[in-house]
Amino acid sequence: MTHGSWSLLWLVQLGILRLQKRKLTWDAFWRRHVFFLRTTAQMVESQEVHLSTRSSNRSPVPYMLKTTAFVTTALTVAGGSWYVAVNMTTPSDLTAIYNCSAFFAYAFSIPLLNEKLRADKVFSVAVATIGVMVVAYGDGPNKKVSKGGSDNTGGQNRLLGNIVIGVGSILYGLYEVLYKRFACPPEGTSPGRGTIFANTFGSLIGVFTLLVLWIPLPFLHWTGWEKFEWPTGEAAWMLLISVGANATFSGSFLVLISLTSPVLSSVAALLTIFLVALVDWFRTGDSLSMASIIGGFLITVAFFMLSYSTYREMNEERKKHLENDELESDSDA
C-alpha cells in the first residue's frame, strides 16, 4: 500500500499544473503535458539536454518500462527487508544499520555517477552516520529482540535480522543511485522539468507496484504463510495518514535526488530521525534525551556541511562548462 500510493503523485501534480494553466483548453493542456513528458523521457534515455534527431524520433516507452521495473524491484526488496528484520533484531540495530544507506549511496555514486571521492563529503557522511549511531545507541543497549525463544535463539535471530537489514541498507543506497543514473534528466535540465518528471516516475513506481508486485500476496494469504486483512477503525485512519505522509515524503525525496544528488538526499532524509524525536516531545511531553540532542545536532551539522560541499562542487562544474563554451565559441570564430 505504501509504494502503491505513489501512483497518486502524478494525478496530484497534474491537478496543480491544470490550476496553473487553467486558461488553456483541456486538449491544448493535455497535448503540451504529454509532449513535455515524452521529451523529458527522451532526455533521460539519451542523457542529452538538446535532443538529436535520432533521440527525438525514438519512443521512450520501452526504456521507461525497463527502468521502472528494475528500480522498483530494488526499492521493494530494500523496503521489504525492514519489515522482515523488524521482529528479528533490536530497534537500535534496525535504525543504525538501515540509515547507513547514505554511506552506500556515496559508495555506489563513485562508479555509477562518476562522482569524485572528496574528503569533505566522506567526512560529512561519516558525521551523519555517527549521529545516527548516537541516537540509536546513546540511551543504552536495547536487548529486546524477537518474541519467544531462548537467549541463544534470540541472538541468532538478531544476527540474521542485522544481516537482512544490512542487505536492505545496501540496496536502498543502490536504489537511490540507480534512480539518479537511469531515471533523472541530465545536468543542465531546468528544475521545473526535473521536478515534474520526478513525480511522474514516482507514479510509475506506484503503478508497477500495484500491477505487478502485489501478485505474490494472494498466494501467501491462501497458503497461510501470511494472512492479510483490511484495516478497520482507528488503525485504518492511522494507516491512511501514514501512507499519505510517506507518499508526500517520497515524492519530495525523488525531486531532491533529481535536483541534487543521492548522497545529499540521503543525509537530508536522516534529519527525519531528529524531527521524529521533536514531534514525540511535543506530542507526549517526554523531554528529549541527551543522545537524541547530540545525535540530531551531528546529523544537522553533517547536512549543512554536505550542502555547502555540493554547492561548491556544482559551482566548480558550472564554471568549467562556461569555460568550455567560451573556448568552443572562440574556436568557431
Foldseek 3Di string as FASTA:
>chain_A
DQLLVLLCLLVVVLVVVCVVVVVDDPVVSVVVVVVLLFVQLLLLAVLDPDDDPVSSPDGSVVLLVVLLVVLLVLLVLLVVLLVVLVQQADPLLLQLQLLLLLVLLVVVCCVQVVDDDDPLLVVLSVLLSVLSNLLSDVVHDDLDHHPDDDPVSSVVSRVVSSVSNNVSSNSVSVSLSSCQRRPARHPPDDLVSRLSSLSVSSSSSSVCCVPPVCVCVVVCCVVVVDNDDQDDDPVNVVVVVVSVVSSVVSSVLSSVCNVFNSSLSSLVVSLVQLVVQVVCCVVVVDDDDPSSVVSNVSSVVSNVSVVVVRVVVVVVVVVVVVVVVVVVVVVVD
